[in-house]
PDB file of N, CA and C in Angstrom:
ATOM      1  N   MET A   1       6.376   9.457  16.134  1.00  0.00           N
ATOM      2  CA  MET A   1       6.488   8.019  15.705  1.00  0.00           C
ATOM      3  C   MET A   1       6.961   7.983  14.178  1.00  0.00           C
ATOM      4  N   PHE A   2       5.868   8.466  13.258  1.00  0.00           N
ATOM      5  CA  PHE A   2       6.210   8.320  11.990  1.00  0.00           C
ATOM      6  C   PHE A   2       5.355   9.681  11.092  1.00  0.00           C
ATOM      7  N   GLY A   3       5.938   9.939  10.000  1.00  0.00           N
ATOM      8  CA  GLY A   3       5.061  10.843   9.424  1.00  0.00           C
ATOM      9  C   GLY A   3       5.132  10.720   7.911  1.00  0.00           C
ATOM     10  N   VAL A   4       4.177  11.261   7.130  1.00  0.00           N
ATOM     11  CA  VAL A   4       3.936  11.060   5.783  1.00  0.00           C
ATOM     12  C   VAL A   4       3.861  12.396   4.961  1.00  0.00           C
ATOM     13  N   VAL A   5       4.209  12.153   3.601  1.00  0.00           N
ATOM     14  CA  VAL A   5       3.925  13.200   2.504  1.00  0.00           C
ATOM     15  C   VAL A   5       3.516  12.674   1.305  1.00  0.00           C
ATOM     16  N   PHE A   6       2.423  13.186   0.780  1.00  0.00           N
ATOM     17  CA  PHE A   6       2.122  12.896  -0.394  1.00  0.00           C
ATOM     18  C   PHE A   6       2.468  13.931  -1.380  1.00  0.00           C
ATOM     19  N   PRO A   7       3.700  13.454  -2.257  1.00  0.00           N
ATOM     20  CA  PRO A   7       4.325  14.452  -3.107  1.00  0.00           C
ATOM     21  C   PRO A   7       3.364  15.148  -4.031  1.00  0.00           C
ATOM     22  N   ASN A   8       3.549  16.560  -4.078  1.00  0.00           N
ATOM     23  CA  ASN A   8       2.533  17.504  -4.856  1.00  0.00           C
ATOM     24  C   ASN A   8       1.220  17.356  -4.293  1.00  0.00           C
ATOM     25  N   ARG A   9       0.954  16.854  -3.175  1.00  0.00           N
ATOM     26  CA  ARG A   9      -0.557  16.782  -2.980  1.00  0.00           C
ATOM     27  C   ARG A   9      -0.743  17.096  -1.375  1.00  0.00           C
ATOM     28  N   SER A  10       0.466  17.106  -0.539  1.00  0.00           N
ATOM     29  CA  SER A  10       0.060  17.236   1.085  1.00  0.00           C
ATOM     30  C   SER A  10       1.105  18.145   1.669  1.00  0.00           C
ATOM     31  N   PHE A  11       1.023  18.513   2.708  1.00  0.00           N
ATOM     32  CA  PHE A  11       2.029  19.015   3.668  1.00  0.00           C
ATOM     33  C   PHE A  11       2.377  17.822   4.337  1.00  0.00           C
ATOM     34  N   PRO A  12       3.565  17.930   5.227  1.00  0.00           N
ATOM     35  CA  PRO A  12       3.758  16.801   5.926  1.00  0.00           C
ATOM     36  C   PRO A  12       2.849  16.284   7.078  1.00  0.00           C
ATOM     37  N   MET A  13       2.494  15.476   7.109  1.00  0.00           N
ATOM     38  CA  MET A  13       1.422  14.893   8.092  1.00  0.00           C
ATOM     39  C   MET A  13       2.106  13.654   9.220  1.00  0.00           C
ATOM     40  N   ASP A  14       1.599  13.908  10.472  1.00  0.00           N
ATOM     41  CA  ASP A  14       2.129  13.009  11.520  1.00  0.00           C
ATOM     42  C   ASP A  14       1.134  12.045  11.845  1.00  0.00           C
ATOM     43  N   ILE A  15       1.355  11.185  12.709  1.00  0.00           N
ATOM     44  CA  ILE A  15       0.529   9.984  13.144  1.00  0.00           C
ATOM     45  C   ILE A  15      -0.958  10.379  13.518  1.00  0.00           C
ATOM     46  N   SER A  16      -1.102  11.863  13.804  1.00  0.00           N
ATOM     47  CA  SER A  16      -2.470  12.365  14.255  1.00  0.00           C
ATOM     48  C   SER A  16      -3.322  12.287  13.323  1.00  0.00           C
ATOM     49  N   THR A  17      -2.736  12.276  11.830  1.00  0.00           N
ATOM     50  CA  THR A  17      -3.796  12.216  10.827  1.00  0.00           C
ATOM     51  C   THR A  17      -4.306  10.998  10.582  1.00  0.00           C
ATOM     52  N   PHE A  18      -3.977   9.757  11.001  1.00  0.00           N
ATOM     53  CA  PHE A  18      -4.189   8.509  10.921  1.00  0.00           C
ATOM     54  C   PHE A  18      -5.015   8.089  12.019  1.00  0.00           C
ATOM     55  N   SER A  19      -5.877   6.872  11.826  1.00  0.00           N
ATOM     56  CA  SER A  19      -6.944   6.538  12.898  1.00  0.00           C
ATOM     57  C   SER A  19      -5.786   5.234  13.238  1.00  0.00           C
ATOM     58  N   GLN A  20      -5.648   5.339  14.813  1.00  0.00           N
ATOM     59  CA  GLN A  20      -5.137   4.099  15.356  1.00  0.00           C
ATOM     60  C   GLN A  20      -6.122   2.936  15.790  1.00  0.00           C
ATOM     61  N   ILE A  21      -5.949   1.837  14.845  1.00  0.00           N
ATOM     62  CA  ILE A  21      -6.959   0.836  15.068  1.00  0.00           C
ATOM     63  C   ILE A  21      -6.545  -0.134  16.177  1.00  0.00           C
ATOM     64  N   ASP A  22      -5.384  -0.297  16.395  1.00  0.00           N
ATOM     65  CA  ASP A  22      -4.879  -1.103  17.735  1.00  0.00           C
ATOM     66  C   ASP A  22      -3.398  -0.512  18.121  1.00  0.00           C
ATOM     67  N   LYS A  23      -2.775  -1.149  18.738  1.00  0.00           N
ATOM     68  CA  LYS A  23      -1.317  -0.734  19.256  1.00  0.00           C
ATOM     69  C   LYS A  23      -0.436  -0.604  18.183  1.00  0.00           C
ATOM     70  N   LEU A  24      -0.377  -1.493  17.210  1.00  0.00           N
ATOM     71  CA  LEU A  24       0.569  -1.631  16.075  1.00  0.00           C
ATOM     72  C   LEU A  24      -0.112  -1.067  14.504  1.00  0.00           C
ATOM     73  N   HIS A  25      -1.231  -0.736  14.470  1.00  0.00           N
ATOM     74  CA  HIS A  25      -1.946  -0.516  13.279  1.00  0.00           C
ATOM     75  C   HIS A  25      -2.588   0.964  13.194  1.00  0.00           C
ATOM     76  N   TRP A  26      -2.282   1.641  12.019  1.00  0.00           N
ATOM     77  CA  TRP A  26      -2.940   2.875  11.669  1.00  0.00           C
ATOM     78  C   TRP A  26      -3.656   2.701  10.406  1.00  0.00           C
ATOM     79  N   ILE A  27      -4.703   3.619  10.252  1.00  0.00           N
ATOM     80  CA  ILE A  27      -5.131   3.641   8.730  1.00  0.00           C
ATOM     81  C   ILE A  27      -5.328   5.289   8.279  1.00  0.00           C
ATOM     82  N   LEU A  28      -5.252   5.397   7.108  1.00  0.00           N
ATOM     83  CA  LEU A  28      -5.608   6.880   6.485  1.00  0.00           C
ATOM     84  C   LEU A  28      -6.711   6.562   5.602  1.00  0.00           C
ATOM     85  N   ASP A  29      -8.018   7.106   5.950  1.00  0.00           N
ATOM     86  CA  ASP A  29      -8.830   6.961   4.942  1.00  0.00           C
ATOM     87  C   ASP A  29      -8.672   7.914   3.819  1.00  0.00           C
ATOM     88  N   MET A  30      -8.539   7.237   2.551  1.00  0.00           N
ATOM     89  CA  MET A  30      -7.841   8.366   1.486  1.00  0.00           C
ATOM     90  C   MET A  30      -9.166   8.774   0.894  1.00  0.00           C
ATOM     91  N   ASN A  31     -10.274   8.395   0.916  1.00  0.00           N
ATOM     92  CA  ASN A  31     -11.740   9.182   0.423  1.00  0.00           C
ATOM     93  C   ASN A  31     -11.917  10.278   1.320  1.00  0.00           C
ATOM     94  N   THR A  32     -11.526  10.334   2.639  1.00  0.00           N
ATOM     95  CA  THR A  32     -11.623  11.645   3.273  1.00  0.00           C
ATOM     96  C   THR A  32     -10.506  12.448   3.031  1.00  0.00           C
ATOM     97  N   PHE A  33      -9.277  12.102   2.557  1.00  0.00           N
ATOM     98  CA  PHE A  33      -8.176  12.767   2.482  1.00  0.00           C
ATOM     99  C   PHE A  33      -8.195  13.532   0.915  1.00  0.00           C
ATOM    100  N   VAL A  34      -8.519  12.632   0.154  1.00  0.00           N
ATOM    101  CA  VAL A  34      -8.590  13.215  -1.512  1.00  0.00           C
ATOM    102  C   VAL A  34      -9.831  13.091  -2.224  1.00  0.00           C
ATOM    103  N   GLY A  35     -10.689  12.356  -1.752  1.00  0.00           N
ATOM    104  CA  GLY A  35     -12.174  12.133  -2.261  1.00  0.00           C
ATOM    105  C   GLY A  35     -11.889  10.863  -3.139  1.00  0.00           C
ATOM    106  N   GLU A  36     -12.867  10.726  -4.085  1.00  0.00           N
ATOM    107  CA  GLU A  36     -12.611   9.556  -5.096  1.00  0.00           C
ATOM    108  C   GLU A  36     -11.593   9.335  -5.953  1.00  0.00           C
ATOM    109  N   ALA A  37     -10.706  10.603  -5.921  1.00  0.00           N
ATOM    110  CA  ALA A  37      -9.466  10.537  -6.759  1.00  0.00           C
ATOM    111  C   ALA A  37      -8.346  10.062  -6.097  1.00  0.00           C
ATOM    112  N   TYR A  38      -8.585   9.149  -5.351  1.00  0.00           N
ATOM    113  CA  TYR A  38      -7.285   8.470  -4.565  1.00  0.00           C
ATOM    114  C   TYR A  38      -6.414   7.781  -5.218  1.00  0.00           C
ATOM    115  N   ASP A  39      -6.897   7.071  -6.408  1.00  0.00           N
ATOM    116  CA  ASP A  39      -6.057   6.426  -7.373  1.00  0.00           C
ATOM    117  C   ASP A  39      -4.994   7.266  -7.982  1.00  0.00           C
ATOM    118  N   GLN A  40      -5.361   8.739  -8.073  1.00  0.00           N
ATOM    119  CA  GLN A  40      -4.418   9.669  -8.726  1.00  0.00           C
ATOM    120  C   GLN A  40      -3.088   9.946  -7.792  1.00  0.00           C
ATOM    121  N   VAL A  41      -3.440   9.492  -6.428  1.00  0.00           N
ATOM    122  CA  VAL A  41      -2.298   9.606  -5.673  1.00  0.00           C
ATOM    123  C   VAL A  41      -1.288   8.595  -5.731  1.00  0.00           C
ATOM    124  N   ARG A  42       0.035   8.878  -6.616  1.00  0.00           N
ATOM    125  CA  ARG A  42       0.676   7.724  -6.857  1.00  0.00           C
ATOM    126  C   ARG A  42       2.067   7.380  -5.910  1.00  0.00           C
ATOM    127  N   GLU A  43       2.390   8.276  -5.166  1.00  0.00           N
ATOM    128  CA  GLU A  43       3.498   8.088  -4.105  1.00  0.00           C
ATOM    129  C   GLU A  43       3.284   8.598  -2.782  1.00  0.00           C
ATOM    130  N   ILE A  44       4.060   7.972  -1.850  1.00  0.00           N
ATOM    131  CA  ILE A  44       3.824   8.334  -0.416  1.00  0.00           C
ATOM    132  C   ILE A  44       5.380   8.518  -0.084  1.00  0.00           C
ATOM    133  N   CYS A  45       5.619   9.573   0.552  1.00  0.00           N
ATOM    134  CA  CYS A  45       6.833   9.631   1.308  1.00  0.00           C
ATOM    135  C   CYS A  45       6.769   9.273   2.812  1.00  0.00           C
ATOM    136  N   ILE A  46       7.398   8.127   3.352  1.00  0.00           N
ATOM    137  CA  ILE A  46       7.095   7.972   4.659  1.00  0.00           C
ATOM    138  C   ILE A  46       8.299   7.893   5.493  1.00  0.00           C
ATOM    139  N   PHE A  47       8.364   8.403   6.658  1.00  0.00           N
ATOM    140  CA  PHE A  47       9.674   8.582   7.456  1.00  0.00           C
ATOM    141  C   PHE A  47       9.395   8.404   9.135  1.00  0.00           C
ATOM    142  N   LEU A  48      10.240   7.903   9.663  1.00  0.00           N
ATOM    143  CA  LEU A  48      10.304   7.935  11.178  1.00  0.00           C
ATOM    144  C   LEU A  48      10.896   9.321  11.681  1.00  0.00           C
ATOM    145  N   LEU A  49      10.239   9.678  12.485  1.00  0.00           N
ATOM    146  CA  LEU A  49      10.519  11.023  13.262  1.00  0.00           C
ATOM    147  C   LEU A  49      11.936  10.688  14.060  1.00  0.00           C
ATOM    148  N   ASN A  50      12.735  11.836  14.328  1.00  0.00           N
ATOM    149  CA  ASN A  50      13.967  11.556  14.962  1.00  0.00           C
ATOM    150  C   ASN A  50      13.914  10.934  16.293  1.00  0.00           C
ATOM    151  N   ASN A  51      12.804  11.210  17.245  1.00  0.00           N
ATOM    152  CA  ASN A  51      12.908  10.745  18.553  1.00  0.00           C
ATOM    153  C   ASN A  51      12.292   8.976  18.642  1.00  0.00           C
ATOM    154  N   PHE A  52      12.007   8.814  17.458  1.00  0.00           N
ATOM    155  CA  PHE A  52      11.524   7.484  17.531  1.00  0.00           C
ATOM    156  C   PHE A  52      12.213   6.317  16.823  1.00  0.00           C
ATOM    157  N   THR A  53      12.569   5.149  17.578  1.00  0.00           N
ATOM    158  CA  THR A  53      13.433   3.932  16.976  1.00  0.00           C
ATOM    159  C   THR A  53      12.449   3.016  16.973  1.00  0.00           C
ATOM    160  N   LEU A  54      12.579   2.134  16.028  1.00  0.00           N
ATOM    161  CA  LEU A  54      12.012   0.712  16.155  1.00  0.00           C
ATOM    162  C   LEU A  54      13.087  -0.302  16.522  1.00  0.00           C
ATOM    163  N   PRO A  55      12.739  -1.388  16.852  1.00  0.00           N
ATOM    164  CA  PRO A  55      13.519  -2.409  17.211  1.00  0.00           C
ATOM    165  C   PRO A  55      14.185  -2.762  15.979  1.00  0.00           C
ATOM    166  N   PRO A  56      15.480  -3.340  16.065  1.00  0.00           N
ATOM    167  CA  PRO A  56      16.356  -3.674  14.880  1.00  0.00           C
ATOM    168  C   PRO A  56      15.859  -4.632  14.105  1.00  0.00           C
ATOM    169  N   ASP A  57      14.993  -5.410  14.575  1.00  0.00           N
ATOM    170  CA  ASP A  57      14.188  -6.573  13.759  1.00  0.00           C
ATOM    171  C   ASP A  57      12.873  -6.204  13.175  1.00  0.00           C
ATOM    172  N   LYS A  58      12.377  -5.083  13.396  1.00  0.00           N
ATOM    173  CA  LYS A  58      11.120  -4.648  12.741  1.00  0.00           C
ATOM    174  C   LYS A  58      11.071  -3.397  12.052  1.00  0.00           C
ATOM    175  N   ALA A  59       9.967  -3.334  11.424  1.00  0.00           N
ATOM    176  CA  ALA A  59       9.787  -2.276  10.090  1.00  0.00           C
ATOM    177  C   ALA A  59       8.322  -1.685  10.223  1.00  0.00           C
ATOM    178  N   LEU A  60       8.333  -0.434   9.816  1.00  0.00           N
ATOM    179  CA  LEU A  60       7.024   0.112   9.423  1.00  0.00           C
ATOM    180  C   LEU A  60       6.591  -0.013   8.149  1.00  0.00           C
ATOM    181  N   ALA A  61       5.506  -0.837   7.863  1.00  0.00           N
ATOM    182  CA  ALA A  61       5.179  -1.364   6.598  1.00  0.00           C
ATOM    183  C   ALA A  61       4.064  -0.355   6.257  1.00  0.00           C
ATOM    184  N   VAL A  62       3.966  -0.320   4.713  1.00  0.00           N
ATOM    185  CA  VAL A  62       2.834   0.478   4.152  1.00  0.00           C
ATOM    186  C   VAL A  62       2.081  -0.330   3.307  1.00  0.00           C
ATOM    187  N   TYR A  63       0.693  -0.488   3.456  1.00  0.00           N
ATOM    188  CA  TYR A  63      -0.176  -1.260   2.654  1.00  0.00           C
ATOM    189  C   TYR A  63      -1.159  -0.321   2.030  1.00  0.00           C
ATOM    190  N   ILE A  64      -1.785  -0.645   0.879  1.00  0.00           N
ATOM    191  CA  ILE A  64      -2.681   0.425   0.198  1.00  0.00           C
ATOM    192  C   ILE A  64      -3.934  -0.780   0.012  1.00  0.00           C
ATOM    193  N   GLN A  65      -5.020  -0.301  -0.004  1.00  0.00           N
ATOM    194  CA  GLN A  65      -6.300  -0.911  -0.381  1.00  0.00           C
ATOM    195  C   GLN A  65      -7.460  -0.011  -1.003  1.00  0.00           C
ATOM    196  N   SER A  66      -7.736  -0.427  -2.337  1.00  0.00           N
ATOM    197  CA  SER A  66      -8.871   0.073  -3.151  1.00  0.00           C
ATOM    198  C   SER A  66     -10.152  -0.552  -2.373  1.00  0.00           C
ATOM    199  N   PRO A  67     -11.338   0.339  -2.803  1.00  0.00           N
ATOM    200  CA  PRO A  67     -12.662  -0.281  -2.212  1.00  0.00           C
ATOM    201  C   PRO A  67     -12.914  -1.590  -2.600  1.00  0.00           C
ATOM    202  N   GLY A  68     -13.297  -2.501  -1.850  1.00  0.00           N
ATOM    203  CA  GLY A  68     -13.561  -3.831  -2.111  1.00  0.00           C
ATOM    204  C   GLY A  68     -12.202  -4.869  -2.419  1.00  0.00           C
ATOM    205  N   SER A  69     -10.966  -4.355  -2.464  1.00  0.00           N
ATOM    206  CA  SER A  69     -10.097  -4.963  -2.817  1.00  0.00           C
ATOM    207  C   SER A  69      -9.104  -5.529  -1.525  1.00  0.00           C
ATOM    208  N   PRO A  70      -8.191  -6.559  -1.700  1.00  0.00           N
ATOM    209  CA  PRO A  70      -7.459  -6.678  -0.702  1.00  0.00           C
ATOM    210  C   PRO A  70      -6.242  -5.732  -0.437  1.00  0.00           C
ATOM    211  N   PHE A  71      -5.642  -5.871   0.728  1.00  0.00           N
ATOM    212  CA  PHE A  71      -4.586  -4.824   0.883  1.00  0.00           C
ATOM    213  C   PHE A  71      -3.098  -5.422   0.119  1.00  0.00           C
ATOM    214  N   LEU A  72      -2.601  -4.432  -0.390  1.00  0.00           N
ATOM    215  CA  LEU A  72      -1.372  -4.515  -1.177  1.00  0.00           C
ATOM    216  C   LEU A  72      -0.222  -3.972  -0.450  1.00  0.00           C
ATOM    217  N   PHE A  73       0.828  -4.833  -0.077  1.00  0.00           N
ATOM    218  CA  PHE A  73       2.138  -4.140   0.324  1.00  0.00           C
ATOM    219  C   PHE A  73       2.883  -3.176  -0.668  1.00  0.00           C
ATOM    220  N   CYS A  74       3.358  -2.205  -0.182  1.00  0.00           N
ATOM    221  CA  CYS A  74       4.041  -1.215  -0.927  1.00  0.00           C
ATOM    222  C   CYS A  74       5.340  -1.011  -0.612  1.00  0.00           C
ATOM    223  N   GLY A  75       5.717  -1.343   0.622  1.00  0.00           N
ATOM    224  CA  GLY A  75       7.049  -1.114   1.142  1.00  0.00           C
ATOM    225  C   GLY A  75       7.199  -1.022   2.448  1.00  0.00           C
ATOM    226  N   ALA A  76       8.482  -0.455   3.113  1.00  0.00           N
ATOM    227  CA  ALA A  76       8.731  -0.110   4.458  1.00  0.00           C
ATOM    228  C   ALA A  76       9.824   0.551   4.618  1.00  0.00           C
ATOM    229  N   VAL A  77       9.805   1.278   5.976  1.00  0.00           N
ATOM    230  CA  VAL A  77      11.036   1.698   6.305  1.00  0.00           C
ATOM    231  C   VAL A  77      11.576   1.215   7.785  1.00  0.00           C
ATOM    232  N   THR A  78      12.708   1.416   8.103  1.00  0.00           N
ATOM    233  CA  THR A  78      13.637   0.589   9.148  1.00  0.00           C
ATOM    234  C   THR A  78      14.491   1.355   9.686  1.00  0.00           C
ATOM    235  N   LEU A  79      15.089   1.129  10.622  1.00  0.00           N
ATOM    236  CA  LEU A  79      16.321   1.908  11.364  1.00  0.00           C
ATOM    237  C   LEU A  79      17.351   2.034  10.203  1.00  0.00           C
ATOM    238  N   ALA A  80      17.554   1.399   9.484  1.00  0.00           N
ATOM    239  CA  ALA A  80      18.503   1.212   8.580  1.00  0.00           C
ATOM    240  C   ALA A  80      18.087   2.302   7.166  1.00  0.00           C
ATOM    241  N   ARG A  81      16.750   2.139   6.985  1.00  0.00           N
ATOM    242  CA  ARG A  81      16.296   3.296   5.915  1.00  0.00           C
ATOM    243  C   ARG A  81      15.053   3.793   6.662  1.00  0.00           C
ATOM    244  N   PRO A  82      15.358   5.090   7.168  1.00  0.00           N
ATOM    245  CA  PRO A  82      14.448   5.627   8.082  1.00  0.00           C
ATOM    246  C   PRO A  82      13.369   6.217   7.204  1.00  0.00           C
ATOM    247  N   SER A  83      13.431   6.483   5.994  1.00  0.00           N
ATOM    248  CA  SER A  83      12.504   7.210   5.070  1.00  0.00           C
ATOM    249  C   SER A  83      12.689   6.398   3.637  1.00  0.00           C
ATOM    250  N   ALA A  84      11.519   6.692   3.059  1.00  0.00           N
ATOM    251  CA  ALA A  84      11.387   6.101   1.613  1.00  0.00           C
ATOM    252  C   ALA A  84      10.135   6.839   0.905  1.00  0.00           C
ATOM    253  N   VAL A  85      10.433   6.757  -0.288  1.00  0.00           N
ATOM    254  CA  VAL A  85       9.440   7.340  -1.282  1.00  0.00           C
ATOM    255  C   VAL A  85       8.869   5.976  -2.035  1.00  0.00           C
ATOM    256  N   LEU A  86       7.581   5.733  -1.711  1.00  0.00           N
ATOM    257  CA  LEU A  86       7.188   4.184  -2.217  1.00  0.00           C
ATOM    258  C   LEU A  86       6.093   4.615  -3.336  1.00  0.00           C
ATOM    259  N   SER A  87       5.874   3.786  -4.234  1.00  0.00           N
ATOM    260  CA  SER A  87       4.846   3.914  -5.282  1.00  0.00           C
ATOM    261  C   SER A  87       3.744   3.291  -4.494  1.00  0.00           C
ATOM    262  N   LEU A  88       2.458   3.928  -5.084  1.00  0.00           N
ATOM    263  CA  LEU A  88       1.274   3.333  -4.908  1.00  0.00           C
ATOM    264  C   LEU A  88       0.560   2.785  -5.881  1.00  0.00           C
ATOM    265  N   PRO A  89       0.668   1.608  -6.202  1.00  0.00           N
ATOM    266  CA  PRO A  89      -0.019   0.938  -7.251  1.00  0.00           C
ATOM    267  C   PRO A  89      -1.347   0.438  -6.887  1.00  0.00           C
ATOM    268  N   TRP A  90      -2.453   1.319  -7.148  1.00  0.00           N
ATOM    269  CA  TRP A  90      -3.796   0.905  -6.675  1.00  0.00           C
ATOM    270  C   TRP A  90      -4.464  -0.182  -7.319  1.00  0.00           C
ATOM    271  N   PRO A  91      -4.839  -1.142  -6.500  1.00  0.00           N
ATOM    272  CA  PRO A  91      -5.490  -2.126  -7.234  1.00  0.00           C
ATOM    273  C   PRO A  91      -6.806  -1.869  -7.649  1.00  0.00           C
ATOM    274  N   GLU A  92      -7.399  -2.644  -8.639  1.00  0.00           N
ATOM    275  CA  GLU A  92      -8.505  -2.562  -9.203  1.00  0.00           C
ATOM    276  C   GLU A  92      -9.599  -2.563  -8.252  1.00  0.00           C
ATOM    277  N   PRO A  93     -10.667  -1.388  -8.081  1.00  0.00           N
ATOM    278  CA  PRO A  93     -11.610  -1.798  -6.898  1.00  0.00           C
ATOM    279  C   PRO A  93     -12.451  -2.808  -7.256  1.00  0.00           C
ATOM    280  N   GLY A  94     -13.010  -3.353  -6.334  1.00  0.00           N
ATOM    281  CA  GLY A  94     -13.839  -4.755  -6.378  1.00  0.00           C
ATOM    282  C   GLY A  94     -13.283  -6.081  -6.081  1.00  0.00           C
ATOM    283  N   GLY A  95     -12.870  -6.950  -7.219  1.00  0.00           N
ATOM    284  CA  GLY A  95     -12.481  -7.928  -7.054  1.00  0.00           C
ATOM    285  C   GLY A  95     -13.423  -8.964  -6.331  1.00  0.00           C
ATOM    286  N   GLN A  96     -12.930  -9.764  -5.385  1.00  0.00           N
ATOM    287  CA  GLN A  96     -13.688 -10.760  -4.974  1.00  0.00           C
ATOM    288  C   GLN A  96     -14.486 -10.360  -3.664  1.00  0.00           C
ATOM    289  N   MET A  97     -14.338  -9.077  -3.107  1.00  0.00           N
ATOM    290  CA  MET A  97     -14.955  -8.572  -2.092  1.00  0.00           C
ATOM    291  C   MET A  97     -16.139  -7.878  -2.382  1.00  0.00           C
ATOM    292  N   GLN A  98     -16.918  -7.427  -1.422  1.00  0.00           N
ATOM    293  CA  GLN A  98     -18.030  -6.555  -1.823  1.00  0.00           C
ATOM    294  C   GLN A  98     -17.709  -5.042  -2.014  1.00  0.00           C
ATOM    295  N   LEU A  99     -18.433  -4.256  -2.627  1.00  0.00           N
ATOM    296  CA  LEU A  99     -18.042  -2.743  -2.837  1.00  0.00           C
ATOM    297  C   LEU A  99     -18.697  -2.018  -1.564  1.00  0.00           C
ATOM    298  N   THR A 100     -19.554  -2.682  -0.737  1.00  0.00           N
ATOM    299  CA  THR A 100     -20.258  -1.927   0.510  1.00  0.00           C
ATOM    300  C   THR A 100     -19.907  -2.845   1.586  1.00  0.00           C
ATOM    301  N   ALA A 101     -19.915  -2.227   2.863  1.00  0.00           N
ATOM    302  CA  ALA A 101     -19.641  -3.129   4.107  1.00  0.00           C
ATOM    303  C   ALA A 101     -21.334  -3.653   4.393  1.00  0.00           C
ATOM    304  N   PRO A 102     -21.168  -4.676   5.225  1.00  0.00           N
ATOM    305  CA  PRO A 102     -22.477  -5.494   5.402  1.00  0.00           C
ATOM    306  C   PRO A 102     -23.471  -4.240   5.824  1.00  0.00           C
ATOM    307  N   ASP A 103     -23.318  -3.160   6.428  1.00  0.00           N
ATOM    308  CA  ASP A 103     -24.142  -2.102   6.916  1.00  0.00           C
ATOM    309  C   ASP A 103     -24.372  -1.118   5.824  1.00  0.00           C
ATOM    310  N   SER A 104     -24.173  -1.468   4.662  1.00  0.00           N
ATOM    311  CA  SER A 104     -24.273  -0.697   3.507  1.00  0.00           C
ATOM    312  C   SER A 104     -23.553   0.625   3.495  1.00  0.00           C
ATOM    313  N   THR A 105     -22.595   0.583   4.207  1.00  0.00           N
ATOM    314  CA  THR A 105     -21.596   1.837   4.198  1.00  0.00           C
ATOM    315  C   THR A 105     -20.480   1.545   3.091  1.00  0.00           C
ATOM    316  N   PRO A 106     -20.631   2.387   2.149  1.00  0.00           N
ATOM    317  CA  PRO A 106     -19.328   2.128   0.906  1.00  0.00           C
ATOM    318  C   PRO A 106     -18.154   2.051   1.504  1.00  0.00           C
ATOM    319  N   LEU A 107     -17.274   1.240   1.054  1.00  0.00           N
ATOM    320  CA  LEU A 107     -15.923   0.993   1.450  1.00  0.00           C
ATOM    321  C   LEU A 107     -15.310   2.212   0.802  1.00  0.00           C
ATOM    322  N   SER A 108     -13.910   2.498   1.470  1.00  0.00           N
ATOM    323  CA  SER A 108     -13.229   3.492   0.736  1.00  0.00           C
ATOM    324  C   SER A 108     -11.767   3.016   0.936  1.00  0.00           C
ATOM    325  N   ALA A 109     -11.096   3.600   0.106  1.00  0.00           N
ATOM    326  CA  ALA A 109      -9.503   3.480  -0.133  1.00  0.00           C
ATOM    327  C   ALA A 109      -8.755   3.877   0.969  1.00  0.00           C
ATOM    328  N   LYS A 110      -7.740   2.937   1.339  1.00  0.00           N
ATOM    329  CA  LYS A 110      -6.801   3.114   2.748  1.00  0.00           C
ATOM    330  C   LYS A 110      -5.494   3.104   2.415  1.00  0.00           C
ATOM    331  N   ASN A 111      -4.854   3.593   3.323  1.00  0.00           N
ATOM    332  CA  ASN A 111      -3.453   3.410   3.330  1.00  0.00           C
ATOM    333  C   ASN A 111      -3.192   2.788   4.928  1.00  0.00           C
ATOM    334  N   TRP A 112      -2.577   1.734   5.029  1.00  0.00           N
ATOM    335  CA  TRP A 112      -2.734   1.073   6.388  1.00  0.00           C
ATOM    336  C   TRP A 112      -1.041   0.889   6.600  1.00  0.00           C
ATOM    337  N   GLY A 113      -0.456   1.337   7.768  1.00  0.00           N
ATOM    338  CA  GLY A 113       0.566   1.261   8.323  1.00  0.00           C
ATOM    339  C   GLY A 113       0.713   0.349   9.664  1.00  0.00           C
ATOM    340  N   PHE A 114       1.837  -0.533   9.588  1.00  0.00           N
ATOM    341  CA  PHE A 114       1.964  -1.191  11.004  1.00  0.00           C
ATOM    342  C   PHE A 114       3.387  -1.401  11.273  1.00  0.00           C
ATOM    343  N   CYS A 115       3.651  -1.450  12.607  1.00  0.00           N
ATOM    344  CA  CYS A 115       5.068  -2.014  13.047  1.00  0.00           C
ATOM    345  C   CYS A 115       5.134  -3.311  13.322  1.00  0.00           C
TER     346      CYS A 115
END
């Protein structure tokens, strides 16, 4: 379906690296991937795989979230633009949201993609 590379940080990763949370949404827990230094990851290259096509009116969007912050849109790929290198301007942690989940589990940084 899609793949990602974090330039100078990772090898190409396919969708199996992400957790699919429903039919159209996937999450990559950046704390598991790079630890607390998630904010040092400044770019992501996202690309559609050759055998996958999106409907002409759809896109694969990328959002990021620092612990306790709202999701922030970073960009998207489409059939007309099947790959992109996107900046990851991580928001400051905290903000109006809690830094821990209600069950006291620390929140983590995330990349979120959806069609």
